[in-house]
Amino acid sequence: MRKFWLRLMAGAVMMIVSCRAGSKKDVLPVNTMKQVVWDMMKADEWFLRSSLKDSLAKKNREDIRLYEQVFAIHHITREQFYRSYRYYEAHPVQFKELLDSIEHLSSREQQKMIKKPVTRP
């Protein structure tokens, strides 16, 4: 019986500590996170396309450099981004909101590309 109470208390302490670790004040807002993730997705796409042509890009870890540029553009650190990403992964409702906003942004960008006027010589 004593082991049961010890395990219960240990579980409660772990839950309290884990809740504090992902406090909302350290997390990037959804709108900021949306823009950062969108830019990282574009950087990934560019890297994948360029690495097909240039096999040294993978060896030189060009993707890491691109991520650092995205972080610099948005004035955040790698730690801020990954801390925020872990928070959103641990909170499904907020994570769904983030993914939905990224999908909406993607749709808007796609519509811009479709509506772009074609210039003919």
PDB file of N, CA and C in Angstrom:
ATOM      1  N   MET A   1       0.816  -1.187   0.000  1.00  0.00           N
ATOM      2  CA  MET A   1       0.000   0.000   0.000  1.00  0.00           C
ATOM      3  C   MET A   1       0.867   1.260   0.000  1.00  0.00           C
ATOM      4  N   ARG A   2       1.972   1.176   0.701  1.00  0.00           N
ATOM      5  CA  ARG A   2       2.859   2.327   0.773  1.00  0.00           C
ATOM      6  C   ARG A   2       3.458   2.652  -0.602  1.00  0.00           C
ATOM      7  N   LYS A   3       3.805   1.615  -1.366  1.00  0.00           N
ATOM      8  CA  LYS A   3       4.346   1.817  -2.714  1.00  0.00           C
ATOM      9  C   LYS A   3       3.326   2.523  -3.610  1.00  0.00           C
ATOM     10  N   PHE A   4       2.058   2.160  -3.433  1.00  0.00           N
ATOM     11  CA  PHE A   4       1.003   2.784  -4.229  1.00  0.00           C
ATOM     12  C   PHE A   4       0.973   4.289  -3.986  1.00  0.00           C
ATOM     13  N   TRP A   5       1.018   4.706  -2.721  1.00  0.00           N
ATOM     14  CA  TRP A   5       0.971   6.126  -2.386  1.00  0.00           C
ATOM     15  C   TRP A   5       2.217   6.858  -2.870  1.00  0.00           C
ATOM     16  N   LEU A   6       3.361   6.197  -2.775  1.00  0.00           N
ATOM     17  CA  LEU A   6       4.592   6.820  -3.271  1.00  0.00           C
ATOM     18  C   LEU A   6       4.523   7.041  -4.784  1.00  0.00           C
ATOM     19  N   ARG A   7       4.024   6.045  -5.498  1.00  0.00           N
ATOM     20  CA  ARG A   7       3.892   6.183  -6.948  1.00  0.00           C
ATOM     21  C   ARG A   7       2.883   7.263  -7.302  1.00  0.00           C
ATOM     22  N   LEU A   8       1.789   7.324  -6.567  1.00  0.00           N
ATOM     23  CA  LEU A   8       0.776   8.341  -6.811  1.00  0.00           C
ATOM     24  C   LEU A   8       1.345   9.737  -6.579  1.00  0.00           C
ATOM     25  N   MET A   9       2.079   9.903  -5.516  1.00  0.00           N
ATOM     26  CA  MET A   9       2.685  11.203  -5.216  1.00  0.00           C
ATOM     27  C   MET A   9       3.740  11.567  -6.270  1.00  0.00           C
ATOM     28  N   ALA A  10       4.549  10.587  -6.665  1.00  0.00           N
ATOM     29  CA  ALA A  10       5.569  10.841  -7.691  1.00  0.00           C
ATOM     30  C   ALA A  10       4.909  11.253  -9.000  1.00  0.00           C
ATOM     31  N   GLY A  11       3.813  10.601  -9.362  1.00  0.00           N
ATOM     32  CA  GLY A  11       3.085  10.958 -10.579  1.00  0.00           C
ATOM     33  C   GLY A  11       2.525  12.372 -10.505  1.00  0.00           C
ATOM     34  N   ALA A  12       1.981  12.723  -9.333  1.00  0.00           N
ATOM     35  CA  ALA A  12       1.432  14.074  -9.159  1.00  0.00           C
ATOM     36  C   ALA A  12       2.529  15.129  -9.276  1.00  0.00           C
ATOM     37  N   VAL A  13       3.678  14.869  -8.672  1.00  0.00           N
ATOM     38  CA  VAL A  13       4.795  15.809  -8.741  1.00  0.00           C
ATOM     39  C   VAL A  13       5.271  15.963 -10.190  1.00  0.00           C
ATOM     40  N   MET A  14       5.362  14.862 -10.913  1.00  0.00           N
ATOM     41  CA  MET A  14       5.800  14.922 -12.310  1.00  0.00           C
ATOM     42  C   MET A  14       4.818  15.732 -13.158  1.00  0.00           C
ATOM     43  N   MET A  15       3.526  15.570 -12.897  1.00  0.00           N
ATOM     44  CA  MET A  15       2.531  16.329 -13.658  1.00  0.00           C
ATOM     45  C   MET A  15       2.641  17.818 -13.365  1.00  0.00           C
ATOM     46  N   ILE A  16       2.850  18.171 -12.116  1.00  0.00           N
ATOM     47  CA  ILE A  16       2.977  19.584 -11.747  1.00  0.00           C
ATOM     48  C   ILE A  16       4.211  20.194 -12.395  1.00  0.00           C
ATOM     49  N   VAL A  17       5.323  19.475 -12.342  1.00  0.00           N
ATOM     50  CA  VAL A  17       6.564  19.972 -12.932  1.00  0.00           C
ATOM     51  C   VAL A  17       6.426  20.103 -14.442  1.00  0.00           C
ATOM     52  N   SER A  18       5.802  19.130 -15.084  1.00  0.00           N
ATOM     53  CA  SER A  18       5.660  19.193 -16.540  1.00  0.00           C
ATOM     54  C   SER A  18       4.736  20.329 -16.954  1.00  0.00           C
ATOM     55  N   CYS A  19       3.733  20.621 -16.153  1.00  0.00           N
ATOM     56  CA  CYS A  19       2.839  21.745 -16.471  1.00  0.00           C
ATOM     57  C   CYS A  19       3.580  23.068 -16.362  1.00  0.00           C
ATOM     58  N   ARG A  20       4.448  23.193 -15.389  1.00  0.00           N
ATOM     59  CA  ARG A  20       5.221  24.425 -15.240  1.00  0.00           C
ATOM     60  C   ARG A  20       6.244  24.584 -16.351  1.00  0.00           C
ATOM     61  N   ALA A  21       6.816  23.465 -16.810  1.00  0.00           N
ATOM     62  CA  ALA A  21       7.868  23.530 -17.830  1.00  0.00           C
ATOM     63  C   ALA A  21       7.355  24.139 -19.127  1.00  0.00           C
ATOM     64  N   GLY A  22       6.106  23.907 -19.452  1.00  0.00           N
ATOM     65  CA  GLY A  22       5.564  24.434 -20.692  1.00  0.00           C
ATOM     66  C   GLY A  22       4.640  25.602 -20.432  1.00  0.00           C
ATOM     67  N   SER A  23       5.080  26.534 -19.627  1.00  0.00           N
ATOM     68  CA  SER A  23       4.215  27.656 -19.284  1.00  0.00           C
ATOM     69  C   SER A  23       3.941  28.507 -20.511  1.00  0.00           C
ATOM     70  N   LYS A  24       2.792  29.113 -20.528  1.00  0.00           N
ATOM     71  CA  LYS A  24       2.320  29.874 -21.676  1.00  0.00           C
ATOM     72  C   LYS A  24       3.160  31.126 -21.946  1.00  0.00           C
ATOM     73  N   LYS A  25       3.805  31.675 -20.907  1.00  0.00           N
ATOM     74  CA  LYS A  25       4.560  32.914 -21.102  1.00  0.00           C
ATOM     75  C   LYS A  25       5.799  32.729 -21.973  1.00  0.00           C
ATOM     76  N   ASP A  26       6.353  31.525 -22.023  1.00  0.00           N
ATOM     77  CA  ASP A  26       7.550  31.257 -22.816  1.00  0.00           C
ATOM     78  C   ASP A  26       7.241  30.869 -24.256  1.00  0.00           C
ATOM     79  N   VAL A  27       5.961  30.797 -24.589  1.00  0.00           N
ATOM     80  CA  VAL A  27       5.540  30.263 -25.874  1.00  0.00           C
ATOM     81  C   VAL A  27       5.276  31.393 -26.868  1.00  0.00           C
ATOM     82  N   LEU A  28       5.729  31.184 -28.093  1.00  0.00           N
ATOM     83  CA  LEU A  28       5.438  32.140 -29.159  1.00  0.00           C
ATOM     84  C   LEU A  28       3.948  32.096 -29.474  1.00  0.00           C
ATOM     85  N   PRO A  29       3.320  33.247 -29.738  1.00  0.00           N
ATOM     86  CA  PRO A  29       1.894  33.245 -30.078  1.00  0.00           C
ATOM     87  C   PRO A  29       1.642  32.504 -31.391  1.00  0.00           C
ATOM     88  N   VAL A  30       0.403  32.082 -31.573  1.00  0.00           N
ATOM     89  CA  VAL A  30       0.046  31.290 -32.753  1.00  0.00           C
ATOM     90  C   VAL A  30       0.384  32.029 -34.038  1.00  0.00           C
ATOM     91  N   ASN A  31       0.103  33.322 -34.115  1.00  0.00           N
ATOM     92  CA  ASN A  31       0.370  34.062 -35.357  1.00  0.00           C
ATOM     93  C   ASN A  31       1.854  34.118 -35.694  1.00  0.00           C
ATOM     94  N   THR A  32       2.691  34.298 -34.685  1.00  0.00           N
ATOM     95  CA  THR A  32       4.139  34.298 -34.910  1.00  0.00           C
ATOM     96  C   THR A  32       4.613  32.907 -35.293  1.00  0.00           C
ATOM     97  N   MET A  33       4.146  31.923 -34.547  1.00  0.00           N
ATOM     98  CA  MET A  33       4.551  30.539 -34.801  1.00  0.00           C
ATOM     99  C   MET A  33       4.118  30.103 -36.200  1.00  0.00           C
ATOM    100  N   LYS A  34       2.939  30.551 -36.616  1.00  0.00           N
ATOM    101  CA  LYS A  34       2.433  30.213 -37.945  1.00  0.00           C
ATOM    102  C   LYS A  34       3.393  30.712 -39.021  1.00  0.00           C
ATOM    103  N   GLN A  35       3.832  31.956 -38.910  1.00  0.00           N
ATOM    104  CA  GLN A  35       4.732  32.527 -39.902  1.00  0.00           C
ATOM    105  C   GLN A  35       6.088  31.814 -39.905  1.00  0.00           C
ATOM    106  N   VAL A  36       6.593  31.494 -38.726  1.00  0.00           N
ATOM    107  CA  VAL A  36       7.888  30.823 -38.628  1.00  0.00           C
ATOM    108  C   VAL A  36       7.811  29.431 -39.246  1.00  0.00           C
ATOM    109  N   VAL A  37       6.775  28.681 -38.892  1.00  0.00           N
ATOM    110  CA  VAL A  37       6.632  27.316 -39.434  1.00  0.00           C
ATOM    111  C   VAL A  37       6.447  27.374 -40.945  1.00  0.00           C
ATOM    112  N   TRP A  38       5.672  28.343 -41.428  1.00  0.00           N
ATOM    113  CA  TRP A  38       5.457  28.476 -42.868  1.00  0.00           C
ATOM    114  C   TRP A  38       6.781  28.748 -43.587  1.00  0.00           C
ATOM    115  N   ASP A  39       7.582  29.657 -43.043  1.00  0.00           N
ATOM    116  CA  ASP A  39       8.873  29.957 -43.653  1.00  0.00           C
ATOM    117  C   ASP A  39       9.827  28.765 -43.575  1.00  0.00           C
ATOM    118  N   MET A  40       9.759  28.014 -42.485  1.00  0.00           N
ATOM    119  CA  MET A  40      10.604  26.823 -42.383  1.00  0.00           C
ATOM    120  C   MET A  40      10.182  25.768 -43.399  1.00  0.00           C
ATOM    121  N   MET A  41       8.883  25.655 -43.635  1.00  0.00           N
ATOM    122  CA  MET A  41       8.409  24.713 -44.643  1.00  0.00           C
ATOM    123  C   MET A  41       8.901  25.119 -46.036  1.00  0.00           C
ATOM    124  N   LYS A  42       8.865  26.424 -46.311  1.00  0.00           N
ATOM    125  CA  LYS A  42       9.373  26.891 -47.608  1.00  0.00           C
ATOM    126  C   LYS A  42      10.873  26.661 -47.726  1.00  0.00           C
ATOM    127  N   ALA A  43      11.606  26.876 -46.627  1.00  0.00           N
ATOM    128  CA  ALA A  43      13.055  26.631 -46.644  1.00  0.00           C
ATOM    129  C   ALA A  43      13.336  25.151 -46.876  1.00  0.00           C
ATOM    130  N   ASP A  44      12.550  24.292 -46.245  1.00  0.00           N
ATOM    131  CA  ASP A  44      12.700  22.849 -46.459  1.00  0.00           C
ATOM    132  C   ASP A  44      12.473  22.474 -47.913  1.00  0.00           C
ATOM    133  N   GLU A  45      11.417  23.028 -48.485  1.00  0.00           N
ATOM    134  CA  GLU A  45      11.102  22.727 -49.877  1.00  0.00           C
ATOM    135  C   GLU A  45      12.231  23.185 -50.798  1.00  0.00           C
ATOM    136  N   TRP A  46      12.745  24.388 -50.560  1.00  0.00           N
ATOM    137  CA  TRP A  46      13.844  24.894 -51.378  1.00  0.00           C
ATOM    138  C   TRP A  46      15.080  23.993 -51.221  1.00  0.00           C
ATOM    139  N   PHE A  47      15.362  23.595 -49.976  1.00  0.00           N
ATOM    140  CA  PHE A  47      16.519  22.745 -49.734  1.00  0.00           C
ATOM    141  C   PHE A  47      16.382  21.405 -50.448  1.00  0.00           C
ATOM    142  N   LEU A  48      15.191  20.799 -50.364  1.00  0.00           N
ATOM    143  CA  LEU A  48      14.991  19.506 -51.019  1.00  0.00           C
ATOM    144  C   LEU A  48      15.161  19.606 -52.525  1.00  0.00           C
ATOM    145  N   ARG A  49      14.625  20.666 -53.100  1.00  0.00           N
ATOM    146  CA  ARG A  49      14.767  20.838 -54.553  1.00  0.00           C
ATOM    147  C   ARG A  49      16.215  21.120 -54.956  1.00  0.00           C
ATOM    148  N   SER A  50      16.912  21.925 -54.170  1.00  0.00           N
ATOM    149  CA  SER A  50      18.296  22.236 -54.528  1.00  0.00           C
ATOM    150  C   SER A  50      19.231  21.070 -54.248  1.00  0.00           C
ATOM    151  N   SER A  51      18.901  20.241 -53.258  1.00  0.00           N
ATOM    152  CA  SER A  51      19.784  19.111 -52.943  1.00  0.00           C
ATOM    153  C   SER A  51      19.706  18.020 -54.005  1.00  0.00           C
ATOM    154  N   LEU A  52      18.654  18.024 -54.802  1.00  0.00           N
ATOM    155  CA  LEU A  52      18.590  17.080 -55.917  1.00  0.00           C
ATOM    156  C   LEU A  52      19.642  17.417 -56.962  1.00  0.00           C
ATOM    157  N   LYS A  53      19.919  18.718 -57.117  1.00  0.00           N
ATOM    158  CA  LYS A  53      20.909  19.165 -58.085  1.00  0.00           C
ATOM    159  C   LYS A  53      22.315  19.156 -57.504  1.00  0.00           C
ATOM    160  N   ASP A  54      22.418  19.493 -56.220  1.00  0.00           N
ATOM    161  CA  ASP A  54      23.720  19.651 -55.576  1.00  0.00           C
ATOM    162  C   ASP A  54      23.826  18.677 -54.407  1.00  0.00           C
ATOM    163  N   SER A  55      24.539  17.587 -54.600  1.00  0.00           N
ATOM    164  CA  SER A  55      24.623  16.565 -53.559  1.00  0.00           C
ATOM    165  C   SER A  55      25.461  17.022 -52.359  1.00  0.00           C
ATOM    166  N   LEU A  56      26.253  18.059 -52.510  1.00  0.00           N
ATOM    167  CA  LEU A  56      27.049  18.561 -51.386  1.00  0.00           C
ATOM    168  C   LEU A  56      26.220  19.353 -50.386  1.00  0.00           C
ATOM    169  N   ALA A  57      25.030  19.774 -50.781  1.00  0.00           N
ATOM    170  CA  ALA A  57      24.188  20.566 -49.880  1.00  0.00           C
ATOM    171  C   ALA A  57      23.846  19.771 -48.625  1.00  0.00           C
ATOM    172  N   LYS A  58      23.579  18.477 -48.770  1.00  0.00           N
ATOM    173  CA  LYS A  58      23.270  17.644 -47.605  1.00  0.00           C
ATOM    174  C   LYS A  58      24.493  17.498 -46.711  1.00  0.00           C
ATOM    175  N   LYS A  59      25.635  17.323 -47.346  1.00  0.00           N
ATOM    176  CA  LYS A  59      26.859  17.144 -46.578  1.00  0.00           C
ATOM    177  C   LYS A  59      27.218  18.415 -45.809  1.00  0.00           C
ATOM    178  N   ASN A  60      26.976  19.564 -46.401  1.00  0.00           N
ATOM    179  CA  ASN A  60      27.307  20.837 -45.767  1.00  0.00           C
ATOM    180  C   ASN A  60      26.243  21.302 -44.781  1.00  0.00           C
ATOM    181  N   ARG A  61      25.178  20.527 -44.615  1.00  0.00           N
ATOM    182  CA  ARG A  61      24.085  20.860 -43.692  1.00  0.00           C
ATOM    183  C   ARG A  61      23.500  22.237 -43.994  1.00  0.00           C
ATOM    184  N   GLU A  62      23.227  22.438 -45.254  1.00  0.00           N
ATOM    185  CA  GLU A  62      22.663  23.702 -45.719  1.00  0.00           C
ATOM    186  C   GLU A  62      21.296  23.972 -45.088  1.00  0.00           C
ATOM    187  N   ASP A  63      20.546  22.911 -44.750  1.00  0.00           N
ATOM    188  CA  ASP A  63      19.218  23.098 -44.166  1.00  0.00           C
ATOM    189  C   ASP A  63      19.285  23.777 -42.794  1.00  0.00           C
ATOM    190  N   ILE A  64      20.327  23.471 -42.026  1.00  0.00           N
ATOM    191  CA  ILE A  64      20.492  24.107 -40.714  1.00  0.00           C
ATOM    192  C   ILE A  64      20.725  25.609 -40.888  1.00  0.00           C
ATOM    193  N   ARG A  65      21.520  25.966 -41.866  1.00  0.00           N
ATOM    194  CA  ARG A  65      21.790  27.381 -42.139  1.00  0.00           C
ATOM    195  C   ARG A  65      20.505  28.096 -42.542  1.00  0.00           C
ATOM    196  N   LEU A  66      19.672  27.439 -43.334  1.00  0.00           N
ATOM    197  CA  LEU A  66      18.401  28.041 -43.747  1.00  0.00           C
ATOM    198  C   LEU A  66      17.481  28.254 -42.548  1.00  0.00           C
ATOM    199  N   TYR A  67      17.438  27.269 -41.645  1.00  0.00           N
ATOM    200  CA  TYR A  67      16.608  27.419 -40.438  1.00  0.00           C
ATOM    201  C   TYR A  67      17.092  28.598 -39.598  1.00  0.00           C
ATOM    202  N   GLU A  68      18.395  28.730 -39.480  1.00  0.00           N
ATOM    203  CA  GLU A  68      18.942  29.849 -38.702  1.00  0.00           C
ATOM    204  C   GLU A  68      18.560  31.183 -39.336  1.00  0.00           C
ATOM    205  N   GLN A  69      18.523  31.236 -40.659  1.00  0.00           N
ATOM    206  CA  GLN A  69      18.106  32.461 -41.340  1.00  0.00           C
ATOM    207  C   GLN A  69      16.633  32.770 -41.046  1.00  0.00           C
ATOM    208  N   VAL A  70      15.807  31.744 -41.031  1.00  0.00           N
ATOM    209  CA  VAL A  70      14.387  31.947 -40.714  1.00  0.00           C
ATOM    210  C   VAL A  70      14.248  32.480 -39.296  1.00  0.00           C
ATOM    211  N   PHE A  71      14.994  31.907 -38.356  1.00  0.00           N
ATOM    212  CA  PHE A  71      14.931  32.388 -36.975  1.00  0.00           C
ATOM    213  C   PHE A  71      15.383  33.842 -36.889  1.00  0.00           C
ATOM    214  N   ALA A  72      16.420  34.189 -37.633  1.00  0.00           N
ATOM    215  CA  ALA A  72      16.926  35.563 -37.610  1.00  0.00           C
ATOM    216  C   ALA A  72      15.908  36.539 -38.213  1.00  0.00           C
ATOM    217  N   ILE A  73      15.250  36.144 -39.280  1.00  0.00           N
ATOM    218  CA  ILE A  73      14.243  36.996 -39.917  1.00  0.00           C
ATOM    219  C   ILE A  73      13.113  37.314 -38.937  1.00  0.00           C
ATOM    220  N   HIS A  74      12.725  36.313 -38.152  1.00  0.00           N
ATOM    221  CA  HIS A  74      11.604  36.486 -37.217  1.00  0.00           C
ATOM    222  C   HIS A  74      12.056  36.939 -35.825  1.00  0.00           C
ATOM    223  N   HIS A  75      13.343  37.196 -35.656  1.00  0.00           N
ATOM    224  CA  HIS A  75      13.907  37.690 -34.397  1.00  0.00           C
ATOM    225  C   HIS A  75      13.606  36.761 -33.219  1.00  0.00           C
ATOM    226  N   ILE A  76      13.810  35.464 -33.439  1.00  0.00           N
ATOM    227  CA  ILE A  76      13.652  34.483 -32.364  1.00  0.00           C
ATOM    228  C   ILE A  76      14.881  33.595 -32.339  1.00  0.00           C
ATOM    229  N   THR A  77      15.018  32.824 -31.288  1.00  0.00           N
ATOM    230  CA  THR A  77      16.125  31.879 -31.196  1.00  0.00           C
ATOM    231  C   THR A  77      15.622  30.470 -31.485  1.00  0.00           C
ATOM    232  N   ARG A  78      16.556  29.603 -31.752  1.00  0.00           N
ATOM    233  CA  ARG A  78      16.222  28.203 -31.984  1.00  0.00           C
ATOM    234  C   ARG A  78      15.523  27.622 -30.754  1.00  0.00           C
ATOM    235  N   GLU A  79      16.013  27.986 -29.563  1.00  0.00           N
ATOM    236  CA  GLU A  79      15.440  27.478 -28.319  1.00  0.00           C
ATOM    237  C   GLU A  79      13.997  27.944 -28.148  1.00  0.00           C
ATOM    238  N   GLN A  80      13.722  29.217 -28.467  1.00  0.00           N
ATOM    239  CA  GLN A  80      12.346  29.719 -28.374  1.00  0.00           C
ATOM    240  C   GLN A  80      11.414  28.937 -29.293  1.00  0.00           C
ATOM    241  N   PHE A  81      11.893  28.692 -30.509  1.00  0.00           N
ATOM    242  CA  PHE A  81      11.052  27.974 -31.460  1.00  0.00           C
ATOM    243  C   PHE A  81      10.752  26.562 -30.970  1.00  0.00           C
ATOM    244  N   TYR A  82      11.793  25.809 -30.598  1.00  0.00           N
ATOM    245  CA  TYR A  82      11.578  24.419 -30.203  1.00  0.00           C
ATOM    246  C   TYR A  82      10.822  24.303 -28.878  1.00  0.00           C
ATOM    247  N   ARG A  83      11.013  25.255 -27.975  1.00  0.00           N
ATOM    248  CA  ARG A  83      10.240  25.261 -26.733  1.00  0.00           C
ATOM    249  C   ARG A  83       8.759  25.470 -27.050  1.00  0.00           C
ATOM    250  N   SER A  84       8.496  26.407 -27.943  1.00  0.00           N
ATOM    251  CA  SER A  84       7.116  26.679 -28.345  1.00  0.00           C
ATOM    252  C   SER A  84       6.518  25.493 -29.084  1.00  0.00           C
ATOM    253  N   TYR A  85       7.303  24.889 -29.952  1.00  0.00           N
ATOM    254  CA  TYR A  85       6.801  23.732 -30.708  1.00  0.00           C
ATOM    255  C   TYR A  85       6.454  22.576 -29.775  1.00  0.00           C
ATOM    256  N   ARG A  86       7.299  22.331 -28.788  1.00  0.00           N
ATOM    257  CA  ARG A  86       7.005  21.270 -27.809  1.00  0.00           C
ATOM    258  C   ARG A  86       5.738  21.590 -27.018  1.00  0.00           C
ATOM    259  N   TYR A  87       5.558  22.871 -26.691  1.00  0.00           N
ATOM    260  CA  TYR A  87       4.346  23.276 -25.972  1.00  0.00           C
ATOM    261  C   TYR A  87       3.110  22.965 -26.819  1.00  0.00           C
ATOM    262  N   TYR A  88       3.135  23.372 -28.090  1.00  0.00           N
ATOM    263  CA  TYR A  88       1.987  23.140 -28.956  1.00  0.00           C
ATOM    264  C   TYR A  88       1.733  21.651 -29.162  1.00  0.00           C
ATOM    265  N   GLU A  89       2.783  20.854 -29.258  1.00  0.00           N
ATOM    266  CA  GLU A  89       2.598  19.411 -29.387  1.00  0.00           C
ATOM    267  C   GLU A  89       1.949  18.812 -28.141  1.00  0.00           C
ATOM    268  N   ALA A  90       2.268  19.367 -26.986  1.00  0.00           N
ATOM    269  CA  ALA A  90       1.721  18.855 -25.728  1.00  0.00           C
ATOM    270  C   ALA A  90       0.296  19.333 -25.469  1.00  0.00           C
ATOM    271  N   HIS A  91      -0.170  20.334 -26.203  1.00  0.00           N
ATOM    272  CA  HIS A  91      -1.512  20.874 -26.020  1.00  0.00           C
ATOM    273  C   HIS A  91      -2.264  20.748 -27.352  1.00  0.00           C
ATOM    274  N   PRO A  92      -3.007  19.669 -27.526  1.00  0.00           N
ATOM    275  CA  PRO A  92      -3.627  19.360 -28.820  1.00  0.00           C
ATOM    276  C   PRO A  92      -4.568  20.440 -29.357  1.00  0.00           C
ATOM    277  N   VAL A  93      -5.306  21.117 -28.493  1.00  0.00           N
ATOM    278  CA  VAL A  93      -6.239  22.137 -28.979  1.00  0.00           C
ATOM    279  C   VAL A  93      -5.472  23.296 -29.616  1.00  0.00           C
ATOM    280  N   GLN A  94      -4.427  23.767 -28.934  1.00  0.00           N
ATOM    281  CA  GLN A  94      -3.631  24.865 -29.483  1.00  0.00           C
ATOM    282  C   GLN A  94      -2.852  24.405 -30.724  1.00  0.00           C
ATOM    283  N   PHE A  95      -2.399  23.135 -30.708  1.00  0.00           N
ATOM    284  CA  PHE A  95      -1.660  22.608 -31.858  1.00  0.00           C
ATOM    285  C   PHE A  95      -2.566  22.543 -33.088  1.00  0.00           C
ATOM    286  N   LYS A  96      -3.812  22.136 -32.882  1.00  0.00           N
ATOM    287  CA  LYS A  96      -4.763  22.088 -33.992  1.00  0.00           C
ATOM    288  C   LYS A  96      -5.018  23.500 -34.521  1.00  0.00           C
ATOM    289  N   GLU A  97      -5.126  24.463 -33.623  1.00  0.00           N
ATOM    290  CA  GLU A  97      -5.312  25.853 -34.034  1.00  0.00           C
ATOM    291  C   GLU A  97      -4.123  26.325 -34.878  1.00  0.00           C
ATOM    292  N   LEU A  98      -2.915  25.960 -34.450  1.00  0.00           N
ATOM    293  CA  LEU A  98      -1.713  26.324 -35.204  1.00  0.00           C
ATOM    294  C   LEU A  98      -1.721  25.683 -36.590  1.00  0.00           C
ATOM    295  N   LEU A  99      -1.996  24.389 -36.646  1.00  0.00           N
ATOM    296  CA  LEU A  99      -1.998  23.691 -37.939  1.00  0.00           C
ATOM    297  C   LEU A  99      -3.097  24.223 -38.857  1.00  0.00           C
ATOM    298  N   ASP A 100      -4.255  24.522 -38.295  1.00  0.00           N
ATOM    299  CA  ASP A 100      -5.329  25.084 -39.108  1.00  0.00           C
ATOM    300  C   ASP A 100      -4.946  26.446 -39.664  1.00  0.00           C
ATOM    301  N   SER A 101      -4.280  27.263 -38.860  1.00  0.00           N
ATOM    302  CA  SER A 101      -3.876  28.584 -39.344  1.00  0.00           C
ATOM    303  C   SER A 101      -2.803  28.463 -40.425  1.00  0.00           C
ATOM    304  N   ILE A 102      -1.919  27.482 -40.315  1.00  0.00           N
ATOM    305  CA  ILE A 102      -0.908  27.257 -41.359  1.00  0.00           C
ATOM    306  C   ILE A 102      -1.588  26.794 -42.643  1.00  0.00           C
ATOM    307  N   GLU A 103      -2.567  25.912 -42.504  1.00  0.00           N
ATOM    308  CA  GLU A 103      -3.294  25.440 -43.684  1.00  0.00           C
ATOM    309  C   GLU A 103      -4.042  26.589 -44.362  1.00  0.00           C
ATOM    310  N   HIS A 104      -4.634  27.461 -43.564  1.00  0.00           N
ATOM    311  CA  HIS A 104      -5.342  28.621 -44.115  1.00  0.00           C
ATOM    312  C   HIS A 104      -4.357  29.551 -44.840  1.00  0.00           C
ATOM    313  N   LEU A 105      -3.199  29.764 -44.252  1.00  0.00           N
ATOM    314  CA  LEU A 105      -2.169  30.578 -44.890  1.00  0.00           C
ATOM    315  C   LEU A 105      -1.734  29.955 -46.206  1.00  0.00           C
ATOM    316  N   SER A 106      -1.587  28.650 -46.220  1.00  0.00           N
ATOM    317  CA  SER A 106      -1.205  27.937 -47.436  1.00  0.00           C
ATOM    318  C   SER A 106      -2.257  28.123 -48.529  1.00  0.00           C
ATOM    319  N   SER A 107      -3.508  28.027 -48.147  1.00  0.00           N
ATOM    320  CA  SER A 107      -4.592  28.215 -49.127  1.00  0.00           C
ATOM    321  C   SER A 107      -4.582  29.622 -49.695  1.00  0.00           C
ATOM    322  N   ARG A 108      -4.359  30.610 -48.843  1.00  0.00           N
ATOM    323  CA  ARG A 108      -4.299  32.000 -49.320  1.00  0.00           C
ATOM    324  C   ARG A 108      -3.151  32.195 -50.288  1.00  0.00           C
ATOM    325  N   GLU A 109      -1.991  31.638 -49.951  1.00  0.00           N
ATOM    326  CA  GLU A 109      -0.828  31.773 -50.837  1.00  0.00           C
ATOM    327  C   GLU A 109      -1.079  31.081 -52.175  1.00  0.00           C
ATOM    328  N   GLN A 110      -1.745  29.941 -52.117  1.00  0.00           N
ATOM    329  CA  GLN A 110      -2.051  29.217 -53.345  1.00  0.00           C
ATOM    330  C   GLN A 110      -3.022  30.017 -54.212  1.00  0.00           C
ATOM    331  N   GLN A 111      -4.010  30.637 -53.589  1.00  0.00           N
ATOM    332  CA  GLN A 111      -4.956  31.463 -54.334  1.00  0.00           C
ATOM    333  C   GLN A 111      -4.264  32.668 -54.968  1.00  0.00           C
ATOM    334  N   LYS A 112      -3.289  33.241 -54.277  1.00  0.00           N
ATOM    335  CA  LYS A 112      -2.526  34.352 -54.849  1.00  0.00           C
ATOM    336  C   LYS A 112      -1.804  33.910 -56.112  1.00  0.00           C
ATOM    337  N   MET A 113      -1.246  32.707 -56.065  1.00  0.00           N
ATOM    338  CA  MET A 113      -0.509  32.196 -57.226  1.00  0.00           C
ATOM    339  C   MET A 113      -1.444  31.934 -58.396  1.00  0.00           C
ATOM    340  N   ILE A 114      -2.633  31.465 -58.110  1.00  0.00           N
ATOM    341  CA  ILE A 114      -3.601  31.171 -59.168  1.00  0.00           C
ATOM    342  C   ILE A 114      -4.117  32.455 -59.801  1.00  0.00           C
ATOM    343  N   LYS A 115      -4.394  33.473 -58.980  1.00  0.00           N
ATOM    344  CA  LYS A 115      -4.962  34.720 -59.460  1.00  0.00           C
ATOM    345  C   LYS A 115      -3.922  35.660 -60.065  1.00  0.00           C
ATOM    346  N   LYS A 116      -2.668  35.299 -59.986  1.00  0.00           N
ATOM    347  CA  LYS A 116      -1.611  36.145 -60.528  1.00  0.00           C
ATOM    348  C   LYS A 116      -1.831  36.318 -62.031  1.00  0.00           C
ATOM    349  N   PRO A 117      -1.869  37.565 -62.505  1.00  0.00           N
ATOM    350  CA  PRO A 117      -2.110  37.774 -63.934  1.00  0.00           C
ATOM    351  C   PRO A 117      -0.931  37.282 -64.769  1.00  0.00           C
ATOM    352  N   VAL A 118      -1.260  36.670 -65.848  1.00  0.00           N
ATOM    353  CA  VAL A 118      -0.239  36.167 -66.769  1.00  0.00           C
ATOM    354  C   VAL A 118       0.116  37.291 -67.726  1.00  0.00           C
ATOM    355  N   THR A 119       1.380  37.627 -67.776  1.00  0.00           N
ATOM    356  CA  THR A 119       1.834  38.667 -68.714  1.00  0.00           C
ATOM    357  C   THR A 119       2.311  38.011 -69.993  1.00  0.00           C
ATOM    358  N   ARG A 120       1.809  38.524 -71.065  1.00  0.00           N
ATOM    359  CA  ARG A 120       2.195  37.965 -72.363  1.00  0.00           C
ATOM    360  C   ARG A 120       3.000  39.008 -73.131  1.00  0.00           C
ATOM    361  N   PRO A 121       4.016  38.567 -73.824  1.00  0.00           N
ATOM    362  CA  PRO A 121       4.839  39.522 -74.582  1.00  0.00           C
ATOM    363  C   PRO A 121       4.131  40.102 -75.766  1.00  0.00           C
TER     364      PRO A 121
END
